[in-house]
Amino acid sequence: MKKKTVIFISLLMSALLITACSNTGDGNNSSGNTAKTNGTTSKKGYQTTGKTEDSDYQGVIRNGKYKASKARGVGITQEADNMLNLQSFESGLTSLSKNQFSPKKYVFQEGQILSRSTVEDWLDRQSGDNPMGLNPKDNGEKDAKKRNPMYIQQIEEQDYMNDNDGKLSLGGITIGIGMNREDYYQKEQYGSTYTSKISKEEMTKQGRIAAAKVLARVRKEKGVSSDTPIMIALFEQAPNDSLVGGSFYASTVSKNGNEIGSWKDTNLSSYTFPATATKSVPNDNDETSFEGFQNKIKNFFPNLAGVTAQGQYKNKSLQGMKVNITTQFYSQTEITSFTQYVAQAARTYLPTGIPIDITVKSADGSVQSFLSRDDGSGDFYTHVFSSY
C-alpha cells in the first residue's frame, strides 16, 4: 500500500486514469497553473469527477468521496518488486480498456466486485487452507529449477459503468493479471534472495490457465451477469533490476458465460532511453532524438544527476514516452528557468506526434516540476511546484 501511495503522489500530474492533467499550453506556464476540468456532474445518487479530455474516463463519486477500489493496496506478492511495474500495469490496463469500453460511453469505477481478502487468496499458493490460490502448491523444493515458482504477481479489477437516467449499472469489467518471468524467493527467512526463471512459453500457458479460472470465478460474483463483457489482459512483469516497467502482451474478451474469446497479441513492449548494451530501441531515430534532448539540457544545466526515459512501442512504432530528470537544484528560480528550458528542448528534439510526460525531481525524489504534451500538440503544459 505504501509503495502504491508513493507512486501516486510522485506521478500526480501524469496519472492516466481519470482526470489526467495533460492539457497543453504555453511552455512558459508559471508556478501555480493547473489544467481546467469540466467540473463534476450531479447525478441521482452519485457524481462524476468530470474530465479534461474526451479520451479520459470520468470517475465515480459517492457521498462526496471518490469510489476507491475494495482491494486497494493488494497486488504485490513479493517485497522486492520493481515499482515501475505498478505504474505500467495500472496505466496500461486503462489504456487497453479504452479499446473495449469507450470513455465516451462508459464511466470508470475502481473495482468493487473483488474484495481485498479474495484477491489476497487468489494471489497466494494453492493449499489445504487456501484452495482458491492461483499459484501452484509449494512442493517443498528449494532449488531454483525444481521448486514450483509463483507465476502470478498481481491482479487488478476495473469496472466500467453505464449511466441510465442518473443510475449506474455495470456495463463491463476489465481484469489485469500480472505474470512473472522471474520469481524471487528465499530459502530461509532473511536469507539470500534466489531466482527461478520462467520461460515465456510457460508464462503464457500459466497466464491462460489463470485467466480461465478468474473468469469463471468473477461470473459467480454478485452483480455480474452471464452476458457482462469481461476483458482479461495479461501483463509480463519486468525484472527487479529493469529500468522500465513491464508490458501487457495479450488480451481477450468474454462476452457470455465462461467462454474465453480468442487471444490477441498487443505487440506492446517497453524500452529505456538511453538504450543499454543489451537492449536497443526498435527505432534508431528515436534514440538519436532522445540523445539530442539529453545533451542539450545537460550542457546548459550542469547540475543534473540523470536524464532517462521509458518509451512504449507497438511493434516498432513509439506510442508514448515518460522522461525522468533528476536535478540538484534548490532555488525556486533555478527550477522555474530549468523547466522553461526543458519545454523548449523537448519541442525541438523529442519525437513528435506522441504523448510525452516529463517529471523533474530532486535528488531526494520530491517532484519539482512537471511537463506534459498530448499526441496532437506541439506545446507542453508545464507546472512548477512551489517550495512553500
Protein backbone atom coordinates (compact mmCIF):
# COMPACT_ATOMS: atom_id res chain seq x y z
CA MET A 1 0.00 0.00 0.00
CA LYS A 2 2.78 2.38 0.95
CA LYS A 3 4.59 1.81 -2.35
CA LYS A 4 1.49 2.49 -4.41
CA THR A 5 0.81 5.66 -2.43
CA VAL A 6 4.32 6.93 -3.10
CA ILE A 7 3.92 6.32 -6.80
CA PHE A 8 0.54 8.07 -6.87
CA ILE A 9 1.91 11.18 -5.19
CA SER A 10 5.07 11.42 -7.28
CA LEU A 11 3.15 10.95 -10.51
CA LEU A 12 0.12 13.01 -9.51
CA MET A 13 0.12 15.10 -12.64
CA SER A 14 0.74 12.23 -15.01
CA ALA A 15 -1.87 9.72 -13.89
CA LEU A 16 -3.57 8.20 -16.89
CA LEU A 17 -6.74 7.15 -15.18
CA ILE A 18 -9.49 9.63 -14.57
CA THR A 19 -8.51 13.27 -14.85
CA ALA A 20 -5.02 13.35 -16.27
CA CYS A 21 -3.87 16.95 -16.31
CA SER A 22 -2.27 16.68 -19.71
CA ASN A 23 -3.85 19.75 -21.27
CA THR A 24 -1.36 21.50 -23.45
CA GLY A 25 -0.49 25.12 -23.09
CA ASP A 26 2.30 27.64 -23.14
CA GLY A 27 5.61 26.03 -22.28
CA ASN A 28 6.31 29.03 -20.03
CA ASN A 29 3.38 28.47 -17.65
CA SER A 30 4.43 29.62 -14.20
CA SER A 31 4.10 28.06 -10.78
CA GLY A 32 0.53 27.55 -9.66
CA ASN A 33 -1.06 26.98 -13.07
CA THR A 34 -3.26 23.91 -13.32
CA ALA A 35 -5.33 22.28 -16.03
CA LYS A 36 -9.04 23.06 -16.00
CA THR A 37 -11.61 20.27 -15.93
CA ASN A 38 -15.22 20.28 -16.99
CA GLY A 39 -16.23 20.03 -13.34
CA THR A 40 -18.31 17.43 -11.59
CA THR A 41 -21.68 16.36 -12.92
CA SER A 42 -24.53 15.86 -10.48
CA LYS A 43 -26.42 12.59 -10.78
CA LYS A 44 -29.05 10.79 -8.75
CA GLY A 45 -27.10 9.06 -6.01
CA TYR A 46 -23.66 9.83 -7.37
CA GLN A 47 -21.45 12.40 -9.05
CA THR A 48 -18.66 12.16 -11.58
CA THR A 49 -15.23 13.72 -11.42
CA GLY A 50 -15.50 15.47 -14.77
CA LYS A 51 -12.65 15.10 -17.25
CA THR A 52 -10.08 17.19 -19.06
CA GLU A 53 -10.13 15.34 -22.38
CA ASP A 54 -12.60 13.20 -24.33
CA SER A 55 -10.08 10.37 -24.12
CA ASP A 56 -10.27 10.37 -20.29
CA TYR A 57 -12.77 8.46 -18.21
CA GLN A 58 -14.99 10.18 -15.68
CA GLY A 59 -14.75 8.59 -12.24
CA VAL A 60 -17.47 7.88 -9.69
CA ILE A 61 -18.00 9.97 -6.55
CA ARG A 62 -20.44 8.82 -3.90
CA ASN A 63 -21.34 10.84 -0.80
CA GLY A 64 -18.65 13.34 -1.75
CA LYS A 65 -15.88 10.73 -1.83
CA TYR A 66 -14.10 9.06 -4.71
CA LYS A 67 -15.15 5.42 -5.04
CA ALA A 68 -11.89 3.64 -4.20
CA SER A 69 -11.14 0.02 -5.01
CA LYS A 70 -12.22 -2.61 -2.50
CA ALA A 71 -8.87 -4.32 -2.97
CA ARG A 72 -6.76 -1.15 -2.78
CA GLY A 73 -3.14 -1.94 -1.98
CA VAL A 74 -3.34 -5.62 -2.90
CA GLY A 75 -1.42 -6.93 -5.86
CA ILE A 76 2.20 -7.41 -4.87
CA THR A 77 3.15 -10.88 -3.75
CA GLN A 78 6.84 -10.13 -3.36
CA GLU A 79 8.64 -7.46 -1.36
CA ALA A 80 11.48 -6.95 -3.86
CA ASP A 81 9.27 -5.75 -6.69
CA ASN A 82 10.09 -3.26 -9.41
CA MET A 83 7.83 -0.29 -8.62
CA LEU A 84 7.85 0.71 -12.29
CA ASN A 85 5.73 -2.39 -12.89
CA LEU A 86 2.95 -0.84 -10.83
CA GLN A 87 2.85 2.28 -12.95
CA SER A 88 2.98 0.38 -16.25
CA PHE A 89 0.39 -2.14 -15.08
CA GLU A 90 -2.23 0.37 -13.96
CA SER A 91 -1.88 2.88 -16.79
CA GLY A 92 -1.57 0.13 -19.40
CA LEU A 93 -4.72 -1.62 -18.17
CA THR A 94 -6.73 1.57 -18.51
CA SER A 95 -5.37 2.23 -21.99
CA LEU A 96 -6.27 -1.27 -23.17
CA SER A 97 -9.74 -0.94 -21.69
CA LYS A 98 -10.46 2.08 -23.87
CA ASN A 99 -10.45 -0.21 -26.91
CA GLN A 100 -13.33 -2.20 -25.42
CA PHE A 101 -15.10 0.34 -23.19
CA SER A 102 -15.11 3.79 -24.79
CA PRO A 103 -14.69 6.78 -22.42
CA LYS A 104 -17.46 8.47 -24.41
CA LYS A 105 -19.92 5.78 -23.36
CA TYR A 106 -18.75 4.39 -20.03
CA VAL A 107 -17.97 5.83 -16.60
CA PHE A 108 -14.91 4.42 -14.80
CA GLN A 109 -15.23 2.92 -11.34
CA GLU A 110 -12.46 1.33 -9.30
CA GLY A 111 -13.03 -2.38 -8.74
CA GLN A 112 -15.98 -3.02 -6.42
CA ILE A 113 -16.62 -6.72 -7.08
CA LEU A 114 -13.48 -8.46 -5.79
CA SER A 115 -12.75 -7.91 -2.11
CA ARG A 116 -9.33 -7.50 -0.59
CA SER A 117 -9.40 -10.94 1.01
CA THR A 118 -10.49 -12.54 -2.26
CA VAL A 119 -7.59 -11.08 -4.22
CA GLU A 120 -5.15 -11.99 -1.46
CA ASP A 121 -6.32 -15.61 -1.54
CA TRP A 122 -6.08 -15.78 -5.33
CA LEU A 123 -2.53 -14.43 -5.33
CA ASP A 124 -1.36 -16.92 -2.73
CA ARG A 125 -0.35 -20.52 -3.32
CA GLN A 126 -2.97 -23.22 -3.50
CA SER A 127 -3.05 -25.24 -0.29
CA GLY A 128 -5.37 -27.15 2.02
CA ASP A 129 -6.15 -23.89 3.79
CA ASN A 130 -6.45 -21.93 0.55
CA PRO A 131 -8.00 -23.96 -2.29
CA MET A 132 -8.57 -20.73 -4.26
CA GLY A 133 -4.85 -19.98 -4.69
CA LEU A 134 -3.93 -19.43 -8.34
CA ASN A 135 -0.25 -20.08 -7.74
CA PRO A 136 0.82 -23.76 -7.50
CA LYS A 137 1.29 -25.70 -4.29
CA ASP A 138 4.63 -25.46 -2.54
CA ASN A 139 6.40 -28.71 -3.40
CA GLY A 140 8.99 -28.18 -0.66
CA GLU A 141 11.91 -27.83 -3.07
CA LYS A 142 14.47 -25.04 -2.59
CA ASP A 143 16.41 -25.46 -5.83
CA ALA A 144 15.52 -22.76 -8.37
CA LYS A 145 14.88 -25.31 -11.12
CA LYS A 146 12.94 -27.81 -9.01
CA ARG A 147 10.61 -25.63 -6.92
CA ASN A 148 7.17 -24.55 -8.10
CA PRO A 149 7.53 -20.84 -8.83
CA MET A 150 4.96 -18.13 -8.17
CA TYR A 151 3.62 -17.38 -11.64
CA ILE A 152 1.08 -14.69 -10.77
CA GLN A 153 2.27 -11.42 -9.28
CA GLN A 154 -0.71 -9.09 -9.25
CA ILE A 155 -4.40 -8.82 -10.10
CA GLU A 156 -6.47 -5.71 -10.63
CA GLU A 157 -10.15 -5.16 -11.39
CA GLN A 158 -11.62 -2.15 -13.17
CA ASP A 159 -15.37 -1.61 -13.59
CA TYR A 160 -16.98 0.26 -16.47
CA MET A 161 -20.44 1.62 -15.74
CA ASN A 162 -23.46 2.56 -17.82
CA ASP A 163 -25.32 5.75 -16.90
CA ASN A 164 -29.06 5.13 -17.27
CA ASP A 165 -31.05 8.23 -16.34
CA GLY A 166 -28.75 9.05 -13.46
CA LYS A 167 -28.40 5.48 -12.24
CA LEU A 168 -25.21 3.48 -12.64
CA SER A 169 -25.25 -0.14 -13.79
CA LEU A 170 -22.34 -2.45 -14.51
CA GLY A 171 -21.53 -2.33 -18.22
CA GLY A 172 -18.26 -4.25 -18.31
CA ILE A 173 -15.24 -5.41 -16.34
CA THR A 174 -11.51 -5.47 -17.04
CA ILE A 175 -9.24 -7.83 -15.13
CA GLY A 176 -5.47 -7.43 -15.36
CA ILE A 177 -3.22 -10.35 -14.39
CA GLY A 178 0.49 -9.72 -13.87
CA MET A 179 2.73 -12.68 -14.74
CA ASN A 180 6.29 -13.33 -13.57
CA ARG A 181 9.23 -14.20 -15.77
CA GLU A 182 11.46 -14.25 -12.69
CA ASP A 183 10.25 -15.41 -9.28
CA TYR A 184 12.35 -14.19 -6.37
CA TYR A 185 12.44 -16.27 -3.19
CA GLN A 186 14.44 -17.00 -0.06
CA LYS A 187 15.44 -20.41 1.19
CA GLU A 188 15.24 -19.16 4.76
CA GLN A 189 13.80 -16.07 6.40
CA TYR A 190 16.07 -13.03 6.00
CA GLY A 191 18.40 -15.15 3.88
CA SER A 192 19.81 -14.52 0.43
CA THR A 193 17.44 -13.97 -2.49
CA TYR A 194 17.34 -16.55 -5.29
CA THR A 195 15.60 -16.52 -8.65
CA SER A 196 13.52 -19.10 -10.51
CA LYS A 197 13.44 -18.36 -14.23
CA ILE A 198 10.14 -18.85 -16.07
CA SER A 199 10.14 -19.31 -19.83
CA LYS A 200 7.89 -17.17 -21.99
CA GLU A 201 6.06 -20.30 -23.15
CA GLU A 202 5.35 -21.37 -19.56
CA MET A 203 4.32 -17.84 -18.57
CA THR A 204 1.88 -17.74 -21.50
CA LYS A 205 0.46 -21.16 -20.61
CA GLN A 206 0.01 -20.37 -16.92
CA GLY A 207 -1.48 -16.98 -17.73
CA ARG A 208 -4.21 -18.51 -19.84
CA ILE A 209 -4.94 -21.15 -17.21
CA ALA A 210 -5.28 -18.41 -14.57
CA ALA A 211 -7.46 -16.30 -16.88
CA ALA A 212 -9.96 -19.13 -17.33
CA LYS A 213 -10.19 -19.67 -13.58
CA VAL A 214 -10.56 -15.95 -12.85
CA LEU A 215 -13.29 -15.58 -15.47
CA ALA A 216 -15.32 -18.47 -14.02
CA ARG A 217 -14.99 -17.04 -10.51
CA VAL A 218 -15.88 -13.48 -11.47
CA ARG A 219 -19.01 -14.72 -13.28
CA LYS A 220 -20.23 -16.13 -9.95
CA GLU A 221 -19.81 -12.84 -8.10
CA LYS A 222 -22.89 -10.89 -7.08
CA GLY A 223 -23.89 -8.26 -9.63
CA VAL A 224 -22.12 -9.92 -12.56
CA SER A 225 -24.46 -11.41 -15.17
CA SER A 226 -23.73 -14.16 -17.67
CA ASP A 227 -23.56 -11.60 -20.50
CA THR A 228 -21.50 -8.88 -18.79
CA PRO A 229 -18.50 -8.26 -21.10
CA ILE A 230 -15.29 -9.18 -19.27
CA MET A 231 -11.94 -8.23 -20.71
CA ILE A 232 -8.86 -10.05 -19.39
CA ALA A 233 -5.37 -8.71 -20.08
CA LEU A 234 -2.08 -10.49 -19.32
CA PHE A 235 0.97 -8.48 -18.22
CA GLU A 236 4.62 -9.56 -18.25
CA GLN A 237 6.41 -8.24 -15.17
CA ALA A 238 9.80 -6.64 -15.73
CA PRO A 239 12.70 -7.99 -13.62
CA ASN A 240 13.52 -6.16 -10.39
CA ASP A 241 16.65 -4.60 -11.86
CA SER A 242 14.92 -3.35 -15.01
CA LEU A 243 14.93 0.39 -15.71
CA VAL A 244 11.47 0.14 -17.28
CA GLY A 245 8.20 -1.45 -16.23
CA GLY A 246 6.64 -4.46 -17.88
CA SER A 247 4.06 -4.59 -20.68
CA PHE A 248 0.70 -6.19 -21.44
CA TYR A 249 1.28 -8.89 -24.02
CA ALA A 250 -2.18 -10.37 -24.70
CA SER A 251 -5.87 -9.73 -24.10
CA THR A 252 -9.22 -11.38 -24.67
CA VAL A 253 -12.91 -10.59 -24.15
CA SER A 254 -15.56 -12.94 -22.82
CA LYS A 255 -18.99 -11.81 -23.95
CA ASN A 256 -21.00 -14.61 -22.40
CA GLY A 257 -20.58 -17.22 -19.71
CA ASN A 258 -17.17 -18.79 -19.17
CA GLU A 259 -16.28 -18.81 -22.85
CA ILE A 260 -12.85 -17.28 -23.50
CA GLY A 261 -12.59 -15.32 -26.72
CA SER A 262 -9.58 -15.56 -28.98
CA TRP A 263 -6.38 -14.16 -27.52
CA LYS A 264 -4.93 -11.12 -29.27
CA ASP A 265 -1.29 -10.11 -29.04
CA THR A 266 -0.88 -6.48 -28.02
CA ASN A 267 2.59 -6.22 -29.63
CA LEU A 268 3.49 -3.78 -26.87
CA SER A 269 6.93 -3.52 -25.28
CA SER A 270 8.77 -1.04 -23.08
CA TYR A 271 12.30 0.27 -23.63
CA THR A 272 14.63 2.52 -21.72
CA PHE A 273 16.39 5.63 -23.01
CA PRO A 274 19.30 5.91 -23.38
CA ALA A 275 19.49 2.39 -24.81
CA THR A 276 21.52 -0.23 -22.99
CA ALA A 277 24.15 -2.54 -24.43
CA THR A 278 21.76 -5.49 -24.10
CA LYS A 279 18.54 -3.86 -25.30
CA SER A 280 18.45 -1.23 -28.03
CA VAL A 281 15.25 0.58 -29.01
CA PRO A 282 13.43 -0.56 -32.19
CA ASN A 283 13.92 2.76 -33.99
CA ASP A 284 17.35 4.41 -34.12
CA ASN A 285 15.79 7.80 -34.92
CA ASP A 286 14.03 7.80 -31.55
CA GLU A 287 17.32 7.12 -29.78
CA THR A 288 19.01 9.92 -31.72
CA SER A 289 16.21 12.34 -30.81
CA PHE A 290 16.50 11.50 -27.12
CA GLU A 291 20.28 11.84 -27.15
CA GLY A 292 19.92 15.31 -28.69
CA PHE A 293 17.46 16.31 -25.95
CA GLN A 294 19.63 14.81 -23.23
CA ASN A 295 22.81 16.54 -24.41
CA LYS A 296 21.07 19.88 -24.86
CA ILE A 297 19.81 20.19 -21.32
CA LYS A 298 22.91 18.63 -19.75
CA ASN A 299 25.16 21.12 -21.48
CA PHE A 300 23.04 24.08 -20.42
CA PHE A 301 22.42 22.95 -16.84
CA PRO A 302 25.39 21.01 -15.44
CA ASN A 303 23.71 20.29 -12.07
CA LEU A 304 21.87 17.21 -13.29
CA ALA A 305 22.09 13.77 -11.74
CA GLY A 306 20.44 11.96 -14.64
CA VAL A 307 18.12 12.07 -17.64
CA THR A 308 16.33 8.84 -18.52
CA ALA A 309 13.08 7.83 -20.20
CA GLN A 310 10.72 4.93 -20.72
CA GLY A 311 9.14 4.53 -24.12
CA GLN A 312 6.35 2.17 -25.09
CA TYR A 313 6.31 0.66 -28.57
CA LYS A 314 3.63 -1.08 -30.56
CA ASN A 315 5.62 -3.19 -32.99
CA LYS A 316 8.35 -0.69 -33.97
CA SER A 317 6.27 2.47 -33.56
CA LEU A 318 6.79 4.65 -30.48
CA GLN A 319 3.45 5.22 -28.74
CA GLY A 320 4.48 7.45 -25.85
CA MET A 321 7.36 8.47 -23.61
CA LYS A 322 7.84 9.25 -19.92
CA VAL A 323 11.00 11.21 -19.17
CA ASN A 324 12.56 11.47 -15.70
CA ILE A 325 15.10 14.17 -14.88
CA THR A 326 16.91 14.26 -11.54
CA THR A 327 18.41 17.61 -10.53
CA GLN A 328 20.47 19.11 -7.75
CA PHE A 329 18.61 22.41 -7.84
CA TYR A 330 17.46 24.08 -4.64
CA SER A 331 16.46 27.54 -5.81
CA GLN A 332 12.88 28.14 -7.00
CA THR A 333 14.19 30.40 -9.76
CA GLU A 334 16.58 27.67 -10.94
CA ILE A 335 13.75 25.14 -11.13
CA THR A 336 11.50 27.57 -12.99
CA SER A 337 14.20 28.51 -15.51
CA PHE A 338 15.14 24.88 -16.00
CA THR A 339 11.54 23.84 -16.60
CA GLN A 340 11.12 26.56 -19.23
CA TYR A 341 14.30 25.45 -20.98
CA VAL A 342 13.28 21.77 -20.87
CA ALA A 343 9.98 22.65 -22.58
CA GLN A 344 11.88 24.34 -25.43
CA ALA A 345 14.37 21.49 -25.80
CA ALA A 346 11.60 18.88 -25.72
CA ARG A 347 9.70 20.65 -28.53
CA THR A 348 12.87 20.75 -30.61
CA TYR A 349 14.37 17.32 -30.04
CA LEU A 350 11.86 14.76 -28.75
CA PRO A 351 9.72 12.76 -31.23
CA THR A 352 6.55 14.48 -32.41
CA GLY A 353 3.03 13.11 -32.63
CA ILE A 354 3.12 11.11 -29.37
CA PRO A 355 2.14 11.93 -25.78
CA ILE A 356 5.13 12.80 -23.59
CA ASP A 357 5.31 13.33 -19.82
CA ILE A 358 8.43 14.82 -18.22
CA THR A 359 8.91 14.72 -14.44
CA VAL A 360 11.67 16.79 -12.83
CA LYS A 361 12.71 15.54 -9.40
CA SER A 362 15.25 16.48 -6.78
CA ALA A 363 17.88 14.03 -5.58
CA ASP A 364 15.63 13.09 -2.64
CA GLY A 365 12.80 12.10 -5.01
CA SER A 366 10.45 15.05 -4.47
CA VAL A 367 8.78 16.37 -7.62
CA GLN A 368 9.91 19.88 -8.57
CA SER A 369 8.08 20.36 -11.86
CA PHE A 370 6.07 18.52 -14.46
CA LEU A 371 5.66 18.90 -18.23
CA SER A 372 3.15 17.15 -20.46
CA ARG A 373 2.11 17.09 -24.10
CA ASP A 374 -0.76 15.30 -25.83
CA ASP A 375 -0.16 13.42 -29.05
CA GLY A 376 -1.83 16.09 -31.17
CA SER A 377 0.02 19.11 -29.81
CA GLY A 378 3.45 20.66 -30.17
CA ASP A 379 3.47 22.71 -26.97
CA PHE A 380 3.99 21.41 -23.47
CA TYR A 381 1.83 22.16 -20.47
CA THR A 382 4.13 22.92 -17.52
CA HIS A 383 3.72 23.19 -13.77
CA VAL A 384 6.38 24.18 -11.23
CA PHE A 385 5.68 23.07 -7.67
CA SER A 386 6.16 25.79 -5.09
CA SER A 387 8.67 25.20 -2.32
CA TYR A 388 6.34 26.61 0.36
